[in-house]
Amino acid sequence: MKLLNTTWIVRYGRRWQRLFTYPAGGFRHFFLYRSNATILHGLGYWMVDLALLLADVGCLPELYLGLERILLPVKPLRENDGIRYRIPFPGGISMDAIRLHPNPKIKPNPRVRAYVSFHTINYWGDLDRETFLHEMIHIWQFDHVGSIYIHHALRAQRMVPAYEYGLLSELLDRWETVRIWADFNFEQMASLGADLLMHLQECPDDTRAKAILDQFF
């Protein structure tokens, strides 16, 4: 990946935009903030997110990914993987930037089967299509809102429910009222996005699913 290409410069400019937008309450509609119990909790969330946005401006993701490629056995998403997982993936994510890291030594949560470190999917065992799409939504979250996806996803894993958002059929019935950022935590959002993508592979003409997915992409 070329650091100084036009695409990277545009994305880096968006990091500064987020940094100036966020303290003014630009992300206050996110599920984590809407569901917190106290002002103190909300202030704590705000400070963590602000620190992560500053880290983005300081190019911490690029530094981490550079070290990761030197020190860890990561591999690019190969063509046969693309056929297996039925990509291209919508949302403007470059598949050339995606890396796979099988069986990492560090497992942040004993229950997780996979997790994302910016543009790398770390996983144990077989990376099935549903899990792959779930993690790709997390990569989309990183590209869209920056490193705060890490904070929001970790918080979401401690919520009840953490990953379950309900029944897809029920959401499709009320598709006009669904607001992905306000109604779901970041793990529920990833589960919903993966289920919608798989549903559209079976029912490509379902305009309700397309309308909800448009909120992602």
N, C-alpha and C. Protein backbone atom coordinates (compact mmCIF):
# COMPACT_ATOMS: atom_id res chain seq x y z
N MET A 1 0.85 -1.20 0.00
CA MET A 1 0.00 0.00 0.00
C MET A 1 0.88 1.25 0.00
N LYS A 2 0.62 2.16 -0.91
CA LYS A 2 1.38 3.40 -0.97
C LYS A 2 0.83 4.39 0.03
N LEU A 3 1.70 4.90 0.89
CA LEU A 3 1.24 5.79 1.95
C LEU A 3 0.78 7.13 1.42
N LEU A 4 1.40 7.63 0.36
CA LEU A 4 1.11 8.98 -0.08
C LEU A 4 0.29 9.01 -1.37
N ASN A 5 -0.56 8.00 -1.59
CA ASN A 5 -1.44 8.09 -2.74
C ASN A 5 -2.65 8.95 -2.42
N THR A 6 -3.40 9.30 -3.45
CA THR A 6 -4.52 10.23 -3.29
C THR A 6 -5.56 9.70 -2.32
N THR A 7 -5.87 8.42 -2.41
CA THR A 7 -6.88 7.83 -1.54
C THR A 7 -6.50 7.97 -0.07
N TRP A 8 -5.23 7.70 0.24
CA TRP A 8 -4.79 7.80 1.63
C TRP A 8 -4.85 9.24 2.12
N ILE A 9 -4.48 10.18 1.27
CA ILE A 9 -4.52 11.59 1.67
C ILE A 9 -5.95 12.02 2.00
N VAL A 10 -6.90 11.58 1.16
CA VAL A 10 -8.31 11.90 1.41
C VAL A 10 -8.76 11.31 2.73
N ARG A 11 -8.41 10.06 2.97
CA ARG A 11 -8.81 9.41 4.23
C ARG A 11 -8.14 10.06 5.44
N TYR A 12 -6.91 10.48 5.26
CA TYR A 12 -6.23 11.15 6.37
C TYR A 12 -6.90 12.49 6.67
N GLY A 13 -7.34 13.19 5.64
CA GLY A 13 -8.07 14.43 5.85
C GLY A 13 -9.36 14.20 6.62
N ARG A 14 -10.00 13.07 6.38
CA ARG A 14 -11.23 12.74 7.11
C ARG A 14 -10.95 12.51 8.59
N ARG A 15 -9.75 12.05 8.90
CA ARG A 15 -9.40 11.86 10.32
C ARG A 15 -9.38 13.20 11.04
N TRP A 16 -8.84 14.21 10.41
CA TRP A 16 -8.87 15.55 11.02
C TRP A 16 -10.30 16.06 11.13
N GLN A 17 -11.10 15.78 10.11
CA GLN A 17 -12.50 16.20 10.15
C GLN A 17 -13.23 15.57 11.32
N ARG A 18 -12.99 14.26 11.55
CA ARG A 18 -13.61 13.59 12.69
C ARG A 18 -13.14 14.21 14.00
N LEU A 19 -11.86 14.51 14.08
CA LEU A 19 -11.30 15.05 15.31
C LEU A 19 -11.96 16.37 15.68
N PHE A 20 -12.27 17.20 14.70
CA PHE A 20 -12.91 18.48 14.99
C PHE A 20 -14.42 18.34 15.16
N THR A 21 -15.01 17.33 14.52
CA THR A 21 -16.46 17.12 14.61
C THR A 21 -16.84 16.45 15.92
N TYR A 22 -16.04 15.50 16.36
CA TYR A 22 -16.40 14.67 17.50
C TYR A 22 -16.58 15.44 18.81
N PRO A 23 -15.63 16.31 19.21
CA PRO A 23 -15.82 17.02 20.49
C PRO A 23 -17.08 17.87 20.53
N ALA A 24 -17.58 18.26 19.35
CA ALA A 24 -18.80 19.07 19.29
C ALA A 24 -20.06 18.21 19.36
N GLY A 25 -19.89 16.91 19.57
CA GLY A 25 -21.05 16.03 19.71
C GLY A 25 -21.47 15.35 18.42
N GLY A 26 -20.54 15.28 17.46
CA GLY A 26 -20.88 14.70 16.17
C GLY A 26 -21.27 13.24 16.22
N PHE A 27 -20.83 12.51 17.24
CA PHE A 27 -21.13 11.08 17.35
C PHE A 27 -22.10 10.78 18.50
N ARG A 28 -22.77 11.78 19.01
CA ARG A 28 -23.60 11.58 20.21
C ARG A 28 -24.79 10.66 19.97
N HIS A 29 -25.11 10.39 18.70
CA HIS A 29 -26.23 9.50 18.41
C HIS A 29 -25.83 8.03 18.46
N PHE A 30 -24.54 7.70 18.63
CA PHE A 30 -24.13 6.30 18.67
C PHE A 30 -24.80 5.58 19.84
N PHE A 31 -25.04 4.30 19.65
CA PHE A 31 -25.76 3.48 20.64
C PHE A 31 -25.10 3.57 22.01
N LEU A 32 -23.78 3.54 22.06
CA LEU A 32 -23.08 3.54 23.35
C LEU A 32 -23.44 4.78 24.16
N TYR A 33 -23.52 5.92 23.52
CA TYR A 33 -23.84 7.16 24.23
C TYR A 33 -25.32 7.26 24.57
N ARG A 34 -26.15 6.75 23.70
CA ARG A 34 -27.59 6.80 23.95
C ARG A 34 -28.01 5.88 25.09
N SER A 35 -27.20 4.84 25.36
CA SER A 35 -27.58 3.84 26.35
C SER A 35 -26.85 4.00 27.68
N ASN A 36 -25.93 5.00 27.80
CA ASN A 36 -25.18 5.09 29.06
C ASN A 36 -26.08 5.62 30.18
N ALA A 37 -25.77 5.22 31.41
CA ALA A 37 -26.66 5.50 32.54
C ALA A 37 -26.37 6.85 33.18
N THR A 38 -25.16 7.32 33.13
CA THR A 38 -24.80 8.54 33.86
C THR A 38 -23.98 9.48 32.99
N ILE A 39 -23.94 10.74 33.38
CA ILE A 39 -23.11 11.72 32.69
C ILE A 39 -21.63 11.35 32.82
N LEU A 40 -21.25 10.79 33.97
CA LEU A 40 -19.86 10.41 34.19
C LEU A 40 -19.43 9.32 33.20
N HIS A 41 -20.32 8.34 33.00
CA HIS A 41 -20.01 7.30 32.01
C HIS A 41 -19.82 7.92 30.63
N GLY A 42 -20.74 8.80 30.26
CA GLY A 42 -20.65 9.43 28.96
C GLY A 42 -19.37 10.22 28.79
N LEU A 43 -18.92 10.90 29.84
CA LEU A 43 -17.67 11.65 29.78
C LEU A 43 -16.48 10.71 29.61
N GLY A 44 -16.52 9.57 30.31
CA GLY A 44 -15.44 8.59 30.17
C GLY A 44 -15.38 8.04 28.75
N TYR A 45 -16.54 7.71 28.17
CA TYR A 45 -16.56 7.22 26.79
C TYR A 45 -15.98 8.28 25.85
N TRP A 46 -16.39 9.53 26.07
CA TRP A 46 -15.96 10.64 25.23
C TRP A 46 -14.44 10.79 25.25
N MET A 47 -13.84 10.68 26.44
CA MET A 47 -12.39 10.85 26.57
C MET A 47 -11.64 9.72 25.87
N VAL A 48 -12.14 8.49 25.99
CA VAL A 48 -11.48 7.36 25.31
C VAL A 48 -11.56 7.54 23.80
N ASP A 49 -12.74 7.90 23.30
CA ASP A 49 -12.90 8.10 21.86
C ASP A 49 -12.01 9.23 21.35
N LEU A 50 -11.93 10.30 22.11
CA LEU A 50 -11.09 11.43 21.69
C LEU A 50 -9.63 11.01 21.61
N ALA A 51 -9.16 10.21 22.56
CA ALA A 51 -7.77 9.73 22.54
C ALA A 51 -7.53 8.87 21.30
N LEU A 52 -8.49 8.05 20.93
CA LEU A 52 -8.34 7.20 19.75
C LEU A 52 -8.35 8.01 18.46
N LEU A 53 -9.16 9.07 18.42
CA LEU A 53 -9.16 9.94 17.25
C LEU A 53 -7.82 10.67 17.11
N LEU A 54 -7.23 11.06 18.24
CA LEU A 54 -5.90 11.66 18.21
C LEU A 54 -4.85 10.66 17.72
N ALA A 55 -5.00 9.41 18.13
CA ALA A 55 -4.08 8.36 17.67
C ALA A 55 -4.20 8.16 16.16
N ASP A 56 -5.41 8.28 15.63
CA ASP A 56 -5.59 8.17 14.17
C ASP A 56 -4.84 9.27 13.44
N VAL A 57 -4.95 10.50 13.96
CA VAL A 57 -4.24 11.63 13.34
C VAL A 57 -2.73 11.41 13.43
N GLY A 58 -2.28 10.74 14.49
CA GLY A 58 -0.86 10.42 14.64
C GLY A 58 -0.42 9.19 13.87
N CYS A 59 -1.31 8.64 13.04
CA CYS A 59 -1.01 7.49 12.17
C CYS A 59 -0.68 6.21 12.94
N LEU A 60 -1.26 6.06 14.13
CA LEU A 60 -1.03 4.83 14.89
C LEU A 60 -1.49 3.58 14.13
N PRO A 61 -2.65 3.60 13.43
CA PRO A 61 -3.03 2.38 12.68
C PRO A 61 -1.97 1.95 11.67
N GLU A 62 -1.40 2.91 10.94
CA GLU A 62 -0.38 2.57 9.94
C GLU A 62 0.89 2.02 10.61
N LEU A 63 1.28 2.61 11.74
CA LEU A 63 2.45 2.11 12.46
C LEU A 63 2.21 0.68 12.95
N TYR A 64 1.02 0.44 13.48
CA TYR A 64 0.70 -0.91 13.96
C TYR A 64 0.70 -1.91 12.81
N LEU A 65 0.04 -1.56 11.69
CA LEU A 65 -0.05 -2.48 10.57
C LEU A 65 1.33 -2.75 9.97
N GLY A 66 2.19 -1.73 9.97
CA GLY A 66 3.55 -1.94 9.47
C GLY A 66 4.32 -2.93 10.33
N LEU A 67 4.25 -2.77 11.64
CA LEU A 67 4.91 -3.70 12.54
C LEU A 67 4.30 -5.09 12.44
N GLU A 68 2.99 -5.13 12.29
CA GLU A 68 2.28 -6.41 12.18
C GLU A 68 2.79 -7.21 10.99
N ARG A 69 2.96 -6.56 9.87
CA ARG A 69 3.40 -7.26 8.66
C ARG A 69 4.85 -7.73 8.77
N ILE A 70 5.65 -7.02 9.58
CA ILE A 70 7.05 -7.42 9.77
C ILE A 70 7.17 -8.57 10.77
N LEU A 71 6.39 -8.50 11.86
CA LEU A 71 6.59 -9.41 12.98
C LEU A 71 5.65 -10.60 13.01
N LEU A 72 4.48 -10.51 12.34
CA LEU A 72 3.48 -11.56 12.45
C LEU A 72 3.25 -12.24 11.10
N PRO A 73 2.79 -13.50 11.12
CA PRO A 73 2.57 -14.23 9.86
C PRO A 73 1.23 -13.86 9.20
N VAL A 74 1.07 -12.58 8.86
CA VAL A 74 -0.15 -12.16 8.18
C VAL A 74 0.00 -12.41 6.69
N LYS A 75 -1.11 -12.60 6.00
CA LYS A 75 -1.07 -12.87 4.56
C LYS A 75 -2.18 -12.07 3.89
N PRO A 76 -1.97 -11.68 2.63
CA PRO A 76 -3.01 -10.93 1.93
C PRO A 76 -4.21 -11.82 1.63
N LEU A 77 -5.35 -11.18 1.42
CA LEU A 77 -6.56 -11.89 1.04
C LEU A 77 -6.38 -12.38 -0.39
N ARG A 78 -6.19 -13.67 -0.58
CA ARG A 78 -5.88 -14.22 -1.90
C ARG A 78 -7.12 -14.32 -2.77
N GLU A 79 -6.89 -14.54 -4.05
CA GLU A 79 -8.00 -14.65 -5.00
C GLU A 79 -8.93 -15.81 -4.65
N ASN A 80 -8.36 -16.95 -4.23
CA ASN A 80 -9.22 -18.08 -3.89
C ASN A 80 -10.04 -17.80 -2.64
N ASP A 81 -9.50 -16.96 -1.71
CA ASP A 81 -10.28 -16.55 -0.55
C ASP A 81 -11.45 -15.68 -1.00
N GLY A 82 -11.19 -14.83 -2.00
CA GLY A 82 -12.24 -13.97 -2.50
C GLY A 82 -13.38 -14.76 -3.09
N ILE A 83 -13.06 -15.81 -3.83
CA ILE A 83 -14.10 -16.67 -4.39
C ILE A 83 -14.85 -17.37 -3.26
N ARG A 84 -14.12 -17.81 -2.27
CA ARG A 84 -14.74 -18.54 -1.15
C ARG A 84 -15.72 -17.66 -0.39
N TYR A 85 -15.35 -16.41 -0.15
CA TYR A 85 -16.19 -15.52 0.66
C TYR A 85 -17.13 -14.66 -0.16
N ARG A 86 -17.14 -14.87 -1.48
CA ARG A 86 -18.05 -14.16 -2.38
C ARG A 86 -17.89 -12.65 -2.28
N ILE A 87 -16.71 -12.18 -2.47
CA ILE A 87 -16.49 -10.75 -2.56
C ILE A 87 -16.39 -10.39 -4.05
N PRO A 88 -16.51 -9.15 -4.53
CA PRO A 88 -16.18 -7.93 -3.81
C PRO A 88 -17.20 -7.55 -2.75
N PHE A 89 -16.67 -6.92 -1.73
CA PHE A 89 -17.47 -6.44 -0.61
C PHE A 89 -17.87 -5.00 -0.87
N PRO A 90 -19.13 -4.62 -0.69
CA PRO A 90 -19.55 -3.24 -0.93
C PRO A 90 -18.98 -2.31 0.13
N GLY A 91 -19.07 -1.02 -0.13
CA GLY A 91 -18.67 -0.05 0.87
C GLY A 91 -17.35 0.64 0.62
N GLY A 92 -16.72 0.37 -0.54
CA GLY A 92 -15.51 1.09 -0.87
C GLY A 92 -14.25 0.58 -0.20
N ILE A 93 -14.29 -0.61 0.40
CA ILE A 93 -13.09 -1.16 1.04
C ILE A 93 -12.23 -1.83 -0.03
N SER A 94 -10.95 -1.49 -0.05
CA SER A 94 -10.03 -2.10 -1.00
C SER A 94 -9.62 -3.49 -0.49
N MET A 95 -9.92 -4.51 -1.27
CA MET A 95 -9.57 -5.86 -0.86
C MET A 95 -8.05 -6.06 -0.83
N ASP A 96 -7.31 -5.24 -1.58
CA ASP A 96 -5.85 -5.35 -1.55
C ASP A 96 -5.27 -5.00 -0.19
N ALA A 97 -6.04 -4.23 0.60
CA ALA A 97 -5.54 -3.80 1.92
C ALA A 97 -5.83 -4.82 3.02
N ILE A 98 -6.69 -5.81 2.75
CA ILE A 98 -7.11 -6.75 3.78
C ILE A 98 -6.05 -7.83 3.97
N ARG A 99 -5.75 -8.12 5.23
CA ARG A 99 -4.82 -9.19 5.57
C ARG A 99 -5.51 -10.19 6.49
N LEU A 100 -5.06 -11.44 6.42
CA LEU A 100 -5.57 -12.50 7.28
C LEU A 100 -4.46 -12.96 8.22
N HIS A 101 -4.82 -13.19 9.48
CA HIS A 101 -3.84 -13.64 10.48
C HIS A 101 -4.44 -14.84 11.21
N PRO A 102 -4.15 -16.06 10.74
CA PRO A 102 -4.71 -17.25 11.39
C PRO A 102 -4.03 -17.57 12.71
N ASN A 103 -4.84 -17.97 13.67
CA ASN A 103 -4.38 -18.47 14.96
C ASN A 103 -3.37 -17.56 15.67
N PRO A 104 -3.74 -16.30 15.93
CA PRO A 104 -2.84 -15.42 16.68
C PRO A 104 -2.65 -15.92 18.11
N LYS A 105 -1.51 -15.59 18.70
CA LYS A 105 -1.19 -16.07 20.05
C LYS A 105 -2.01 -15.37 21.13
N ILE A 106 -2.40 -14.12 20.86
CA ILE A 106 -3.16 -13.36 21.85
C ILE A 106 -4.64 -13.41 21.52
N LYS A 107 -5.44 -13.84 22.51
CA LYS A 107 -6.89 -13.90 22.34
C LYS A 107 -7.52 -12.97 23.38
N PRO A 108 -7.99 -11.78 22.96
CA PRO A 108 -8.46 -10.79 23.93
C PRO A 108 -9.69 -11.22 24.71
N ASN A 109 -10.48 -12.10 24.13
CA ASN A 109 -11.70 -12.58 24.78
C ASN A 109 -11.83 -14.06 24.47
N PRO A 110 -11.93 -14.93 25.49
CA PRO A 110 -11.97 -16.37 25.22
C PRO A 110 -13.16 -16.82 24.39
N ARG A 111 -14.18 -15.98 24.29
CA ARG A 111 -15.39 -16.36 23.56
C ARG A 111 -15.33 -16.01 22.08
N VAL A 112 -14.44 -15.11 21.69
CA VAL A 112 -14.44 -14.64 20.31
C VAL A 112 -13.77 -15.65 19.38
N ARG A 113 -14.29 -15.73 18.16
CA ARG A 113 -13.70 -16.58 17.14
C ARG A 113 -12.79 -15.80 16.21
N ALA A 114 -12.97 -14.47 16.20
CA ALA A 114 -12.16 -13.61 15.33
C ALA A 114 -12.25 -12.18 15.84
N TYR A 115 -11.27 -11.38 15.47
CA TYR A 115 -11.33 -9.95 15.76
C TYR A 115 -10.53 -9.21 14.70
N VAL A 116 -10.77 -7.91 14.61
CA VAL A 116 -10.12 -7.09 13.59
C VAL A 116 -9.12 -6.16 14.24
N SER A 117 -7.93 -6.09 13.67
CA SER A 117 -6.96 -5.05 14.04
C SER A 117 -6.79 -4.17 12.81
N PHE A 118 -7.63 -3.15 12.73
CA PHE A 118 -7.65 -2.19 11.62
C PHE A 118 -8.03 -2.90 10.31
N HIS A 119 -7.06 -3.31 9.47
CA HIS A 119 -7.38 -3.98 8.22
C HIS A 119 -7.00 -5.46 8.23
N THR A 120 -6.71 -6.00 9.40
CA THR A 120 -6.32 -7.41 9.51
C THR A 120 -7.39 -8.19 10.25
N ILE A 121 -7.81 -9.32 9.68
CA ILE A 121 -8.75 -10.21 10.34
C ILE A 121 -7.96 -11.30 11.04
N ASN A 122 -7.99 -11.32 12.37
CA ASN A 122 -7.34 -12.35 13.18
C ASN A 122 -8.38 -13.40 13.54
N TYR A 123 -8.06 -14.67 13.37
CA TYR A 123 -9.09 -15.68 13.60
C TYR A 123 -8.46 -17.00 14.04
N TRP A 124 -9.30 -17.83 14.67
CA TRP A 124 -8.90 -19.16 15.10
C TRP A 124 -9.76 -20.19 14.39
N GLY A 125 -9.14 -21.29 13.97
CA GLY A 125 -9.90 -22.33 13.29
C GLY A 125 -10.28 -21.90 11.89
N ASP A 126 -11.46 -22.33 11.45
CA ASP A 126 -11.93 -22.03 10.10
C ASP A 126 -12.64 -20.68 10.09
N LEU A 127 -12.30 -19.83 9.13
CA LEU A 127 -12.96 -18.53 8.98
C LEU A 127 -14.15 -18.71 8.04
N ASP A 128 -15.32 -18.98 8.62
CA ASP A 128 -16.50 -19.19 7.78
C ASP A 128 -16.99 -17.87 7.21
N ARG A 129 -17.89 -17.96 6.23
CA ARG A 129 -18.33 -16.77 5.50
C ARG A 129 -19.04 -15.77 6.39
N GLU A 130 -19.87 -16.25 7.31
CA GLU A 130 -20.60 -15.33 8.20
C GLU A 130 -19.63 -14.55 9.08
N THR A 131 -18.63 -15.25 9.65
CA THR A 131 -17.65 -14.58 10.49
C THR A 131 -16.81 -13.59 9.67
N PHE A 132 -16.44 -14.00 8.46
CA PHE A 132 -15.67 -13.11 7.59
C PHE A 132 -16.44 -11.81 7.32
N LEU A 133 -17.72 -11.93 6.97
CA LEU A 133 -18.52 -10.74 6.69
C LEU A 133 -18.71 -9.88 7.94
N HIS A 134 -18.89 -10.53 9.09
CA HIS A 134 -18.99 -9.80 10.36
C HIS A 134 -17.74 -8.96 10.60
N GLU A 135 -16.57 -9.56 10.39
CA GLU A 135 -15.32 -8.83 10.61
C GLU A 135 -15.11 -7.76 9.55
N MET A 136 -15.59 -8.01 8.34
CA MET A 136 -15.48 -6.98 7.30
C MET A 136 -16.31 -5.75 7.66
N ILE A 137 -17.43 -5.94 8.34
CA ILE A 137 -18.20 -4.78 8.80
C ILE A 137 -17.39 -3.98 9.82
N HIS A 138 -16.64 -4.67 10.67
CA HIS A 138 -15.77 -3.95 11.61
C HIS A 138 -14.69 -3.15 10.86
N ILE A 139 -14.15 -3.71 9.79
CA ILE A 139 -13.18 -2.97 8.99
C ILE A 139 -13.85 -1.75 8.37
N TRP A 140 -15.09 -1.93 7.91
CA TRP A 140 -15.84 -0.78 7.39
C TRP A 140 -16.05 0.26 8.48
N GLN A 141 -16.33 -0.18 9.71
CA GLN A 141 -16.49 0.77 10.82
C GLN A 141 -15.21 1.57 11.03
N PHE A 142 -14.07 0.89 10.98
CA PHE A 142 -12.80 1.60 11.12
C PHE A 142 -12.62 2.63 10.02
N ASP A 143 -12.89 2.24 8.77
CA ASP A 143 -12.74 3.18 7.66
C ASP A 143 -13.71 4.35 7.78
N HIS A 144 -14.86 4.11 8.39
CA HIS A 144 -15.91 5.14 8.43
C HIS A 144 -15.79 6.07 9.63
N VAL A 145 -15.46 5.52 10.81
CA VAL A 145 -15.44 6.35 12.02
C VAL A 145 -14.09 6.35 12.72
N GLY A 146 -13.13 5.59 12.22
CA GLY A 146 -11.81 5.59 12.82
C GLY A 146 -11.64 4.54 13.92
N SER A 147 -10.56 4.68 14.68
CA SER A 147 -10.20 3.67 15.68
C SER A 147 -11.17 3.58 16.84
N ILE A 148 -12.13 4.49 16.94
CA ILE A 148 -13.10 4.37 18.02
C ILE A 148 -13.93 3.10 17.88
N TYR A 149 -13.89 2.46 16.69
CA TYR A 149 -14.60 1.19 16.56
C TYR A 149 -14.08 0.18 17.58
N ILE A 150 -12.79 0.25 17.93
CA ILE A 150 -12.21 -0.68 18.91
C ILE A 150 -12.90 -0.51 20.25
N HIS A 151 -13.01 0.72 20.71
CA HIS A 151 -13.63 1.02 21.99
C HIS A 151 -15.09 0.58 22.00
N HIS A 152 -15.82 0.94 20.95
CA HIS A 152 -17.25 0.64 20.92
C HIS A 152 -17.51 -0.86 20.79
N ALA A 153 -16.68 -1.57 20.05
CA ALA A 153 -16.86 -3.02 19.91
C ALA A 153 -16.55 -3.73 21.22
N LEU A 154 -15.48 -3.31 21.92
CA LEU A 154 -15.16 -3.92 23.21
C LEU A 154 -16.25 -3.66 24.24
N ARG A 155 -16.79 -2.45 24.25
CA ARG A 155 -17.91 -2.15 25.15
C ARG A 155 -19.12 -3.01 24.80
N ALA A 156 -19.36 -3.17 23.50
CA ALA A 156 -20.53 -3.94 23.05
C ALA A 156 -20.45 -5.39 23.51
N GLN A 157 -19.24 -5.96 23.54
CA GLN A 157 -19.09 -7.36 23.94
C GLN A 157 -19.50 -7.59 25.39
N ARG A 158 -19.55 -6.51 26.19
CA ARG A 158 -19.93 -6.62 27.60
C ARG A 158 -21.40 -6.30 27.82
N MET A 159 -22.09 -5.91 26.74
CA MET A 159 -23.51 -5.60 26.86
C MET A 159 -24.35 -6.86 26.80
N VAL A 160 -25.58 -6.75 27.24
CA VAL A 160 -26.54 -7.85 27.14
C VAL A 160 -27.81 -7.32 26.46
N PRO A 161 -28.11 -7.77 25.23
CA PRO A 161 -27.32 -8.71 24.43
C PRO A 161 -26.11 -8.03 23.80
N ALA A 162 -25.11 -8.84 23.47
CA ALA A 162 -23.89 -8.29 22.88
C ALA A 162 -23.95 -8.30 21.36
N TYR A 163 -24.25 -9.47 20.79
CA TYR A 163 -24.23 -9.64 19.34
C TYR A 163 -25.62 -9.77 18.74
N GLU A 164 -26.58 -10.23 19.52
CA GLU A 164 -27.92 -10.52 19.00
C GLU A 164 -28.73 -9.24 18.86
N TYR A 165 -29.27 -9.01 17.69
CA TYR A 165 -30.06 -7.81 17.43
C TYR A 165 -31.54 -8.11 17.27
N GLY A 166 -31.92 -9.39 17.35
CA GLY A 166 -33.30 -9.78 17.14
C GLY A 166 -33.41 -10.65 15.90
N LEU A 167 -34.59 -10.69 15.30
CA LEU A 167 -34.81 -11.49 14.10
C LEU A 167 -34.70 -10.61 12.86
N LEU A 168 -33.98 -11.11 11.86
CA LEU A 168 -33.84 -10.35 10.62
C LEU A 168 -35.20 -10.10 9.97
N SER A 169 -36.07 -11.10 10.04
CA SER A 169 -37.39 -10.95 9.42
C SER A 169 -38.17 -9.80 10.06
N GLU A 170 -38.06 -9.64 11.37
CA GLU A 170 -38.77 -8.56 12.05
C GLU A 170 -38.19 -7.19 11.65
N LEU A 171 -36.87 -7.12 11.53
CA LEU A 171 -36.25 -5.86 11.11
C LEU A 171 -36.66 -5.50 9.68
N LEU A 172 -36.74 -6.51 8.83
CA LEU A 172 -37.15 -6.24 7.45
C LEU A 172 -38.58 -5.72 7.39
N ASP A 173 -39.43 -6.21 8.30
CA ASP A 173 -40.83 -5.75 8.32
C ASP A 173 -40.94 -4.28 8.73
N ARG A 174 -39.98 -3.80 9.52
CA ARG A 174 -40.02 -2.39 9.95
C ARG A 174 -38.79 -1.64 9.44
N TRP A 175 -38.40 -1.95 8.23
CA TRP A 175 -37.16 -1.42 7.67
C TRP A 175 -37.14 0.11 7.63
N GLU A 176 -38.28 0.74 7.51
CA GLU A 176 -38.32 2.20 7.39
C GLU A 176 -37.93 2.90 8.69
N THR A 177 -38.01 2.20 9.82
CA THR A 177 -37.72 2.83 11.11
C THR A 177 -36.35 2.43 11.67
N VAL A 178 -35.62 1.55 10.98
CA VAL A 178 -34.32 1.07 11.47
C VAL A 178 -33.26 2.16 11.33
N ARG A 179 -32.53 2.43 12.42
CA ARG A 179 -31.41 3.38 12.43
C ARG A 179 -30.21 2.65 12.99
N ILE A 180 -29.30 2.23 12.13
CA ILE A 180 -28.25 1.31 12.57
C ILE A 180 -27.35 1.91 13.64
N TRP A 181 -27.01 3.21 13.54
CA TRP A 181 -26.08 3.81 14.50
C TRP A 181 -26.73 3.99 15.87
N ALA A 182 -28.01 4.30 15.90
CA ALA A 182 -28.68 4.59 17.16
C ALA A 182 -29.31 3.36 17.80
N ASP A 183 -29.71 2.39 16.99
CA ASP A 183 -30.47 1.24 17.50
C ASP A 183 -29.60 0.07 17.92
N PHE A 184 -28.36 0.00 17.44
CA PHE A 184 -27.54 -1.20 17.67
C PHE A 184 -26.14 -0.81 18.13
N ASN A 185 -25.58 -1.66 19.01
CA ASN A 185 -24.17 -1.46 19.34
C ASN A 185 -23.31 -1.95 18.17
N PHE A 186 -21.99 -1.75 18.27
CA PHE A 186 -21.13 -2.02 17.12
C PHE A 186 -21.04 -3.52 16.79
N GLU A 187 -21.24 -4.40 17.77
CA GLU A 187 -21.24 -5.83 17.48
C GLU A 187 -22.56 -6.26 16.85
N GLN A 188 -23.66 -5.74 17.35
CA GLN A 188 -24.96 -6.02 16.73
C GLN A 188 -24.99 -5.50 15.29
N MET A 189 -24.39 -4.33 15.09
CA MET A 189 -24.33 -3.75 13.76
C MET A 189 -23.57 -4.68 12.80
N ALA A 190 -22.45 -5.24 13.27
CA ALA A 190 -21.66 -6.14 12.43
C ALA A 190 -22.44 -7.42 12.13
N SER A 191 -23.16 -7.94 13.13
CA SER A 191 -23.97 -9.14 12.90
C SER A 191 -25.07 -8.87 11.90
N LEU A 192 -25.73 -7.72 12.05
CA LEU A 192 -26.80 -7.35 11.13
C LEU A 192 -26.27 -7.17 9.72
N GLY A 193 -25.15 -6.47 9.57
CA GLY A 193 -24.59 -6.27 8.24
C GLY A 193 -24.25 -7.58 7.56
N ALA A 194 -23.65 -8.52 8.29
CA ALA A 194 -23.31 -9.83 7.73
C ALA A 194 -24.57 -10.58 7.31
N ASP A 195 -25.59 -10.55 8.16
CA ASP A 195 -26.84 -11.26 7.83
C ASP A 195 -27.53 -10.65 6.62
N LEU A 196 -27.49 -9.32 6.52
CA LEU A 196 -28.11 -8.67 5.36
C LEU A 196 -27.38 -9.04 4.07
N LEU A 197 -26.06 -9.06 4.11
CA LEU A 197 -25.29 -9.42 2.92
C LEU A 197 -25.60 -10.85 2.48
N MET A 198 -25.68 -11.77 3.44
CA MET A 198 -25.99 -13.16 3.10
C MET A 198 -27.43 -13.29 2.62
N HIS A 199 -28.34 -12.53 3.24
CA HIS A 199 -29.74 -12.55 2.81
C HIS A 199 -29.87 -12.08 1.37
N LEU A 200 -29.13 -11.04 1.00
CA LEU A 200 -29.22 -10.50 -0.35
C LEU A 200 -28.60 -11.44 -1.39
N GLN A 201 -27.70 -12.30 -0.95
CA GLN A 201 -27.18 -13.30 -1.87
C GLN A 201 -28.25 -14.32 -2.22
N GLU A 202 -29.16 -14.56 -1.27
CA GLU A 202 -30.26 -15.50 -1.51
C GLU A 202 -31.46 -14.79 -2.15
N CYS A 203 -31.70 -13.53 -1.76
CA CYS A 203 -32.86 -12.77 -2.24
C CYS A 203 -32.37 -11.41 -2.75
N PRO A 204 -31.72 -11.38 -3.92
CA PRO A 204 -31.08 -10.14 -4.39
C PRO A 204 -32.04 -8.99 -4.69
N ASP A 205 -33.33 -9.27 -4.79
CA ASP A 205 -34.30 -8.21 -5.12
C ASP A 205 -35.03 -7.66 -3.91
N ASP A 206 -34.60 -8.02 -2.71
CA ASP A 206 -35.28 -7.54 -1.50
C ASP A 206 -34.89 -6.08 -1.25
N THR A 207 -35.79 -5.17 -1.62
CA THR A 207 -35.50 -3.74 -1.50
C THR A 207 -35.42 -3.29 -0.04
N ARG A 208 -36.08 -4.01 0.88
CA ARG A 208 -36.02 -3.65 2.29
C ARG A 208 -34.61 -3.86 2.83
N ALA A 209 -34.02 -5.00 2.51
CA ALA A 209 -32.66 -5.29 2.95
C ALA A 209 -31.67 -4.30 2.33
N LYS A 210 -31.88 -3.96 1.07
CA LYS A 210 -31.00 -2.99 0.41
C LYS A 210 -31.09 -1.64 1.08
N ALA A 211 -32.31 -1.25 1.49
CA ALA A 211 -32.49 0.07 2.12
C ALA A 211 -31.75 0.14 3.46
N ILE A 212 -31.81 -0.95 4.25
CA ILE A 212 -31.08 -0.96 5.53
C ILE A 212 -29.59 -0.98 5.27
N LEU A 213 -29.15 -1.79 4.30
CA LEU A 213 -27.73 -1.89 4.01
C LEU A 213 -27.16 -0.58 3.49
N ASP A 214 -28.00 0.22 2.85
CA ASP A 214 -27.55 1.53 2.36
C ASP A 214 -27.08 2.42 3.49
N GLN A 215 -27.60 2.20 4.71
CA GLN A 215 -27.15 2.99 5.85
C GLN A 215 -25.69 2.68 6.19
N PHE A 216 -25.25 1.45 5.84
CA PHE A 216 -23.85 1.11 6.04
C PHE A 216 -22.99 1.72 4.92
N PHE A 217 -23.41 1.53 3.67
CA PHE A 217 -22.52 1.78 2.54
C PHE A 217 -22.90 3.01 1.71
